[in-house]
Amino acid sequence: MKHSKSSLFLMELIIALLFFSLASTVCIRLFVKAHSLSAQTVDQNYAVNYAQNMAEAFLGCDGDLPALQALMPDSTLAGDGAVLSLEQNGYRAELVCSGLPQPGSTLSADIRVCRLDSPDAPLYTLHVDLHIPRVR
């Protein structure tokens, strides 16, 4: 009788150990997933801020990319004058403008923000339209 009670206690102990190890595995996975989501959220928040700031500056400069580059001294303007890129704090924001600012036209720009270590995976993209009124 004593042998069966001790083996039953041992079985209960093994089941309790398995249950707690399974529960700890689930908890660790949840913490890892939460940390991963937190890091992605931080990246996306930075990307949204960079894109919004660049869009507001683009609208404030009336689509004039050289003037926009003067506002952002760390930025580089491509040779054709249609692409402005800015690299800061591990992120790259790139503004691609379609056309030149002319009175009575609509100027479009696409802003793309990505991490420097993964340039092919944009974190955030933003399309901006700017109407330039005719001067009378």
N, C-alpha and C. Protein backbone atom coordinates (compact mmCIF):
# COMPACT_ATOMS: atom_id res chain seq x y z
N MET A 1 0.81 -1.19 0.00
CA MET A 1 0.00 0.00 0.00
C MET A 1 0.86 1.26 0.00
N LYS A 2 1.96 1.20 0.76
CA LYS A 2 2.85 2.35 0.84
C LYS A 2 3.48 2.62 -0.52
N HIS A 3 3.79 1.54 -1.26
CA HIS A 3 4.42 1.68 -2.57
C HIS A 3 3.47 2.38 -3.55
N SER A 4 2.19 2.06 -3.54
CA SER A 4 1.25 2.67 -4.48
C SER A 4 1.01 4.14 -4.13
N LYS A 5 1.01 4.48 -2.83
CA LYS A 5 0.83 5.88 -2.44
C LYS A 5 2.02 6.72 -2.88
N SER A 6 3.21 6.21 -2.74
CA SER A 6 4.39 6.98 -3.15
C SER A 6 4.46 7.09 -4.67
N SER A 7 4.06 6.05 -5.40
CA SER A 7 4.07 6.16 -6.86
C SER A 7 2.98 7.11 -7.34
N LEU A 8 1.83 7.13 -6.66
CA LEU A 8 0.77 8.07 -6.99
C LEU A 8 1.23 9.51 -6.73
N PHE A 9 1.90 9.72 -5.61
CA PHE A 9 2.45 11.05 -5.30
C PHE A 9 3.48 11.47 -6.35
N LEU A 10 4.32 10.53 -6.78
CA LEU A 10 5.32 10.81 -7.80
C LEU A 10 4.66 11.18 -9.12
N MET A 11 3.59 10.48 -9.48
CA MET A 11 2.85 10.79 -10.71
C MET A 11 2.24 12.19 -10.63
N GLU A 12 1.66 12.54 -9.48
CA GLU A 12 1.09 13.88 -9.30
C GLU A 12 2.17 14.94 -9.42
N LEU A 13 3.31 14.65 -8.85
CA LEU A 13 4.43 15.59 -8.91
C LEU A 13 4.91 15.78 -10.34
N ILE A 14 5.00 14.70 -11.09
CA ILE A 14 5.43 14.78 -12.50
C ILE A 14 4.41 15.56 -13.32
N ILE A 15 3.13 15.31 -13.10
CA ILE A 15 2.08 16.02 -13.83
C ILE A 15 2.12 17.51 -13.49
N ALA A 16 2.31 17.84 -12.21
CA ALA A 16 2.41 19.25 -11.81
C ALA A 16 3.62 19.91 -12.45
N LEU A 17 4.75 19.21 -12.50
CA LEU A 17 5.94 19.75 -13.16
C LEU A 17 5.70 19.99 -14.64
N LEU A 18 5.07 19.04 -15.32
CA LEU A 18 4.76 19.20 -16.74
C LEU A 18 3.81 20.38 -16.96
N PHE A 19 2.81 20.50 -16.09
CA PHE A 19 1.87 21.61 -16.22
C PHE A 19 2.58 22.96 -16.06
N PHE A 20 3.42 23.08 -15.04
CA PHE A 20 4.13 24.34 -14.82
C PHE A 20 5.15 24.63 -15.92
N SER A 21 5.79 23.61 -16.45
CA SER A 21 6.73 23.84 -17.55
C SER A 21 5.98 24.28 -18.81
N LEU A 22 4.81 23.70 -19.06
CA LEU A 22 3.99 24.12 -20.19
C LEU A 22 3.51 25.56 -20.00
N ALA A 23 3.06 25.88 -18.80
CA ALA A 23 2.60 27.24 -18.51
C ALA A 23 3.74 28.25 -18.65
N SER A 24 4.93 27.90 -18.20
CA SER A 24 6.06 28.82 -18.32
C SER A 24 6.46 29.01 -19.78
N THR A 25 6.36 27.95 -20.59
CA THR A 25 6.66 28.07 -22.02
C THR A 25 5.68 29.02 -22.69
N VAL A 26 4.41 28.89 -22.37
CA VAL A 26 3.40 29.78 -22.93
C VAL A 26 3.66 31.22 -22.50
N CYS A 27 3.98 31.44 -21.24
CA CYS A 27 4.26 32.79 -20.74
C CYS A 27 5.48 33.40 -21.43
N ILE A 28 6.52 32.61 -21.60
CA ILE A 28 7.73 33.12 -22.26
C ILE A 28 7.42 33.50 -23.70
N ARG A 29 6.63 32.66 -24.39
CA ARG A 29 6.25 33.00 -25.77
C ARG A 29 5.44 34.29 -25.82
N LEU A 30 4.54 34.46 -24.87
CA LEU A 30 3.75 35.69 -24.83
C LEU A 30 4.63 36.91 -24.59
N PHE A 31 5.59 36.81 -23.70
CA PHE A 31 6.49 37.93 -23.44
C PHE A 31 7.35 38.25 -24.66
N VAL A 32 7.82 37.23 -25.35
CA VAL A 32 8.63 37.46 -26.56
C VAL A 32 7.78 38.13 -27.64
N LYS A 33 6.55 37.67 -27.83
CA LYS A 33 5.66 38.27 -28.82
C LYS A 33 5.33 39.71 -28.45
N ALA A 34 5.10 39.97 -27.17
CA ALA A 34 4.81 41.34 -26.72
C ALA A 34 6.00 42.25 -26.96
N HIS A 35 7.20 41.75 -26.70
CA HIS A 35 8.40 42.55 -26.95
C HIS A 35 8.55 42.84 -28.44
N SER A 36 8.30 41.85 -29.27
CA SER A 36 8.39 42.03 -30.72
C SER A 36 7.37 43.06 -31.21
N LEU A 37 6.13 42.96 -30.73
CA LEU A 37 5.11 43.94 -31.11
C LEU A 37 5.46 45.34 -30.63
N SER A 38 6.04 45.43 -29.46
CA SER A 38 6.45 46.73 -28.93
C SER A 38 7.53 47.36 -29.81
N ALA A 39 8.50 46.57 -30.23
CA ALA A 39 9.56 47.08 -31.10
C ALA A 39 8.99 47.52 -32.45
N GLN A 40 8.05 46.75 -33.00
CA GLN A 40 7.42 47.13 -34.27
C GLN A 40 6.63 48.42 -34.11
N THR A 41 5.95 48.57 -33.00
CA THR A 41 5.17 49.78 -32.75
C THR A 41 6.07 51.00 -32.64
N VAL A 42 7.19 50.86 -31.98
CA VAL A 42 8.15 51.97 -31.88
C VAL A 42 8.64 52.36 -33.27
N ASP A 43 9.00 51.37 -34.09
CA ASP A 43 9.44 51.64 -35.45
C ASP A 43 8.36 52.36 -36.25
N GLN A 44 7.13 51.88 -36.16
CA GLN A 44 6.05 52.50 -36.92
C GLN A 44 5.75 53.92 -36.43
N ASN A 45 5.84 54.15 -35.14
CA ASN A 45 5.63 55.51 -34.62
C ASN A 45 6.69 56.48 -35.14
N TYR A 46 7.96 56.04 -35.13
CA TYR A 46 9.02 56.88 -35.69
C TYR A 46 8.77 57.13 -37.17
N ALA A 47 8.37 56.09 -37.89
CA ALA A 47 8.15 56.22 -39.33
C ALA A 47 7.01 57.20 -39.63
N VAL A 48 5.93 57.11 -38.88
CA VAL A 48 4.81 58.03 -39.08
C VAL A 48 5.24 59.46 -38.79
N ASN A 49 5.99 59.67 -37.72
CA ASN A 49 6.46 61.02 -37.38
C ASN A 49 7.37 61.59 -38.47
N TYR A 50 8.32 60.78 -38.95
CA TYR A 50 9.21 61.25 -40.01
C TYR A 50 8.42 61.59 -41.28
N ALA A 51 7.49 60.73 -41.65
CA ALA A 51 6.71 60.97 -42.87
C ALA A 51 5.83 62.21 -42.74
N GLN A 52 5.18 62.37 -41.61
CA GLN A 52 4.33 63.55 -41.40
C GLN A 52 5.15 64.83 -41.39
N ASN A 53 6.29 64.80 -40.73
CA ASN A 53 7.14 66.00 -40.69
C ASN A 53 7.63 66.36 -42.09
N MET A 54 8.02 65.35 -42.86
CA MET A 54 8.50 65.63 -44.21
C MET A 54 7.36 66.13 -45.09
N ALA A 55 6.16 65.59 -44.92
CA ALA A 55 5.00 66.04 -45.70
C ALA A 55 4.65 67.48 -45.36
N GLU A 56 4.65 67.82 -44.08
CA GLU A 56 4.35 69.20 -43.69
C GLU A 56 5.40 70.18 -44.22
N ALA A 57 6.65 69.78 -44.17
CA ALA A 57 7.71 70.64 -44.71
C ALA A 57 7.57 70.78 -46.22
N PHE A 58 7.20 69.70 -46.90
CA PHE A 58 6.97 69.74 -48.35
C PHE A 58 5.85 70.71 -48.69
N LEU A 59 4.75 70.63 -47.95
CA LEU A 59 3.63 71.54 -48.19
C LEU A 59 4.01 72.98 -47.83
N GLY A 60 4.78 73.16 -46.76
CA GLY A 60 5.19 74.50 -46.34
C GLY A 60 6.14 75.16 -47.33
N CYS A 61 6.93 74.37 -48.02
CA CYS A 61 7.86 74.90 -49.03
C CYS A 61 7.24 74.96 -50.41
N ASP A 62 5.94 74.71 -50.50
CA ASP A 62 5.21 74.72 -51.77
C ASP A 62 5.83 73.79 -52.81
N GLY A 63 6.34 72.67 -52.37
CA GLY A 63 6.88 71.66 -53.28
C GLY A 63 8.27 71.95 -53.81
N ASP A 64 8.92 72.97 -53.29
CA ASP A 64 10.27 73.33 -53.74
C ASP A 64 11.28 72.48 -52.97
N LEU A 65 11.82 71.45 -53.64
CA LEU A 65 12.72 70.52 -52.95
C LEU A 65 14.05 71.16 -52.53
N PRO A 66 14.65 72.06 -53.32
CA PRO A 66 15.86 72.72 -52.80
C PRO A 66 15.60 73.52 -51.52
N ALA A 67 14.43 74.16 -51.43
CA ALA A 67 14.08 74.88 -50.20
C ALA A 67 13.86 73.89 -49.05
N LEU A 68 13.28 72.75 -49.37
CA LEU A 68 13.08 71.71 -48.37
C LEU A 68 14.41 71.15 -47.89
N GLN A 69 15.35 71.02 -48.80
CA GLN A 69 16.68 70.54 -48.41
C GLN A 69 17.37 71.55 -47.50
N ALA A 70 17.13 72.83 -47.73
CA ALA A 70 17.72 73.86 -46.86
C ALA A 70 17.16 73.76 -45.44
N LEU A 71 15.89 73.32 -45.31
CA LEU A 71 15.30 73.13 -43.98
C LEU A 71 15.87 71.91 -43.27
N MET A 72 16.28 70.93 -44.05
CA MET A 72 16.81 69.68 -43.50
C MET A 72 18.25 69.52 -43.95
N PRO A 73 19.20 70.08 -43.23
CA PRO A 73 20.60 70.09 -43.69
C PRO A 73 21.22 68.71 -43.85
N ASP A 74 20.71 67.70 -43.15
CA ASP A 74 21.27 66.35 -43.29
C ASP A 74 20.73 65.60 -44.50
N SER A 75 19.79 66.19 -45.22
CA SER A 75 19.17 65.50 -46.35
C SER A 75 20.02 65.64 -47.60
N THR A 76 19.77 64.74 -48.55
CA THR A 76 20.46 64.78 -49.84
C THR A 76 19.41 64.82 -50.94
N LEU A 77 19.69 65.62 -51.94
CA LEU A 77 18.81 65.78 -53.09
C LEU A 77 19.45 65.08 -54.27
N ALA A 78 18.71 64.21 -54.94
CA ALA A 78 19.25 63.46 -56.07
C ALA A 78 19.56 64.41 -57.22
N GLY A 79 20.38 63.92 -58.14
CA GLY A 79 20.82 64.74 -59.26
C GLY A 79 19.70 65.30 -60.11
N ASP A 80 18.61 64.53 -60.28
CA ASP A 80 17.49 65.03 -61.10
C ASP A 80 16.60 66.00 -60.33
N GLY A 81 16.82 66.13 -59.04
CA GLY A 81 16.07 67.09 -58.22
C GLY A 81 14.68 66.62 -57.85
N ALA A 82 14.35 65.35 -58.07
CA ALA A 82 13.01 64.85 -57.78
C ALA A 82 12.97 63.94 -56.56
N VAL A 83 14.13 63.60 -56.00
CA VAL A 83 14.17 62.68 -54.86
C VAL A 83 14.99 63.32 -53.74
N LEU A 84 14.36 63.44 -52.59
CA LEU A 84 15.03 63.97 -51.40
C LEU A 84 15.04 62.86 -50.36
N SER A 85 16.22 62.56 -49.83
CA SER A 85 16.30 61.50 -48.82
C SER A 85 16.99 62.03 -47.57
N LEU A 86 16.56 61.50 -46.45
CA LEU A 86 17.07 61.91 -45.15
C LEU A 86 17.29 60.67 -44.30
N GLU A 87 18.50 60.54 -43.76
CA GLU A 87 18.84 59.41 -42.89
C GLU A 87 19.13 59.94 -41.49
N GLN A 88 18.35 59.48 -40.53
CA GLN A 88 18.53 59.89 -39.13
C GLN A 88 18.12 58.77 -38.20
N ASN A 89 18.86 58.59 -37.14
CA ASN A 89 18.52 57.67 -36.05
C ASN A 89 18.17 56.27 -36.52
N GLY A 90 18.83 55.79 -37.56
CA GLY A 90 18.59 54.43 -38.03
C GLY A 90 17.42 54.30 -38.99
N TYR A 91 16.85 55.43 -39.42
CA TYR A 91 15.72 55.41 -40.34
C TYR A 91 16.07 56.22 -41.59
N ARG A 92 15.44 55.87 -42.69
CA ARG A 92 15.64 56.61 -43.94
C ARG A 92 14.26 57.04 -44.45
N ALA A 93 14.10 58.34 -44.64
CA ALA A 93 12.87 58.89 -45.21
C ALA A 93 13.20 59.39 -46.60
N GLU A 94 12.40 58.98 -47.56
CA GLU A 94 12.66 59.34 -48.96
C GLU A 94 11.40 59.94 -49.55
N LEU A 95 11.53 61.14 -50.11
CA LEU A 95 10.42 61.82 -50.76
C LEU A 95 10.68 61.82 -52.26
N VAL A 96 9.75 61.26 -53.02
CA VAL A 96 9.86 61.22 -54.48
C VAL A 96 8.77 62.12 -55.03
N CYS A 97 9.18 63.16 -55.72
CA CYS A 97 8.26 64.16 -56.24
C CYS A 97 8.04 63.91 -57.73
N SER A 98 6.79 64.01 -58.15
CA SER A 98 6.48 63.82 -59.57
C SER A 98 6.21 65.18 -60.21
N GLY A 99 7.18 65.69 -60.89
CA GLY A 99 7.02 66.97 -61.58
C GLY A 99 7.67 68.12 -60.84
N LEU A 100 7.51 69.29 -61.45
CA LEU A 100 8.05 70.53 -60.89
C LEU A 100 6.89 71.43 -60.49
N PRO A 101 7.09 72.25 -59.46
CA PRO A 101 6.00 73.14 -59.05
C PRO A 101 5.73 74.22 -60.10
N GLN A 102 4.54 74.16 -60.69
CA GLN A 102 4.14 75.15 -61.69
C GLN A 102 2.78 75.70 -61.29
N PRO A 103 2.55 77.00 -61.49
CA PRO A 103 1.26 77.58 -61.11
C PRO A 103 0.10 76.90 -61.83
N GLY A 104 -0.95 76.61 -61.09
CA GLY A 104 -2.14 75.98 -61.64
C GLY A 104 -2.06 74.47 -61.77
N SER A 105 -1.06 73.88 -61.20
CA SER A 105 -0.91 72.42 -61.32
C SER A 105 -1.00 71.76 -59.94
N THR A 106 -1.12 70.46 -59.97
CA THR A 106 -1.10 69.68 -58.73
C THR A 106 0.19 68.88 -58.70
N LEU A 107 0.91 69.04 -57.64
CA LEU A 107 2.19 68.35 -57.47
C LEU A 107 1.98 67.19 -56.50
N SER A 108 2.45 66.02 -56.89
CA SER A 108 2.31 64.83 -56.05
C SER A 108 3.67 64.38 -55.55
N ALA A 109 3.67 63.84 -54.35
CA ALA A 109 4.90 63.29 -53.78
C ALA A 109 4.55 62.05 -52.98
N ASP A 110 5.45 61.10 -53.00
CA ASP A 110 5.31 59.89 -52.20
C ASP A 110 6.46 59.85 -51.20
N ILE A 111 6.12 59.66 -49.95
CA ILE A 111 7.12 59.59 -48.89
C ILE A 111 7.16 58.15 -48.38
N ARG A 112 8.36 57.62 -48.29
CA ARG A 112 8.56 56.23 -47.87
C ARG A 112 9.58 56.24 -46.74
N VAL A 113 9.26 55.60 -45.63
CA VAL A 113 10.17 55.54 -44.49
C VAL A 113 10.49 54.07 -44.21
N CYS A 114 11.78 53.77 -44.06
CA CYS A 114 12.21 52.40 -43.75
C CYS A 114 13.39 52.45 -42.79
N ARG A 115 13.71 51.31 -42.24
CA ARG A 115 14.90 51.20 -41.39
C ARG A 115 16.12 51.10 -42.29
N LEU A 116 17.25 51.60 -41.82
CA LEU A 116 18.48 51.53 -42.61
C LEU A 116 18.93 50.09 -42.82
N ASP A 117 18.66 49.22 -41.86
CA ASP A 117 19.10 47.83 -42.00
C ASP A 117 18.16 46.98 -42.85
N SER A 118 16.99 47.50 -43.20
CA SER A 118 16.08 46.77 -44.10
C SER A 118 15.42 47.76 -45.06
N PRO A 119 16.17 48.24 -46.07
CA PRO A 119 15.64 49.27 -46.96
C PRO A 119 14.53 48.80 -47.89
N ASP A 120 14.37 47.50 -48.07
CA ASP A 120 13.34 46.99 -48.98
C ASP A 120 11.99 46.79 -48.30
N ALA A 121 11.93 46.99 -47.00
CA ALA A 121 10.68 46.80 -46.25
C ALA A 121 10.24 48.13 -45.65
N PRO A 122 9.39 48.88 -46.37
CA PRO A 122 8.97 50.18 -45.83
C PRO A 122 8.10 50.01 -44.59
N LEU A 123 8.36 50.86 -43.62
CA LEU A 123 7.56 50.87 -42.40
C LEU A 123 6.28 51.68 -42.59
N TYR A 124 6.38 52.72 -43.41
CA TYR A 124 5.24 53.61 -43.61
C TYR A 124 5.40 54.33 -44.94
N THR A 125 4.32 54.48 -45.67
CA THR A 125 4.32 55.27 -46.90
C THR A 125 3.19 56.29 -46.81
N LEU A 126 3.42 57.43 -47.42
CA LEU A 126 2.45 58.51 -47.37
C LEU A 126 2.43 59.21 -48.72
N HIS A 127 1.23 59.44 -49.25
CA HIS A 127 1.08 60.16 -50.52
C HIS A 127 0.60 61.58 -50.20
N VAL A 128 1.23 62.56 -50.83
CA VAL A 128 0.90 63.96 -50.58
C VAL A 128 0.59 64.63 -51.91
N ASP A 129 -0.51 65.36 -51.97
CA ASP A 129 -0.86 66.17 -53.14
C ASP A 129 -0.85 67.63 -52.73
N LEU A 130 -0.26 68.45 -53.58
CA LEU A 130 -0.16 69.88 -53.31
C LEU A 130 -0.67 70.63 -54.54
N HIS A 131 -1.72 71.43 -54.35
CA HIS A 131 -2.22 72.25 -55.45
C HIS A 131 -1.53 73.61 -55.40
N ILE A 132 -0.93 73.97 -56.50
CA ILE A 132 -0.24 75.26 -56.58
C ILE A 132 -1.16 76.21 -57.37
N PRO A 133 -1.69 77.24 -56.72
CA PRO A 133 -2.65 78.12 -57.39
C PRO A 133 -1.98 78.99 -58.45
N ARG A 134 -2.81 79.40 -59.39
CA ARG A 134 -2.32 80.34 -60.41
C ARG A 134 -2.16 81.72 -59.79
N VAL A 135 -1.15 82.42 -60.23
CA VAL A 135 -0.92 83.78 -59.76
C VAL A 135 -1.58 84.72 -60.75
N ARG A 136 -2.45 85.60 -60.26
CA ARG A 136 -3.15 86.53 -61.17
C ARG A 136 -2.58 87.89 -61.09
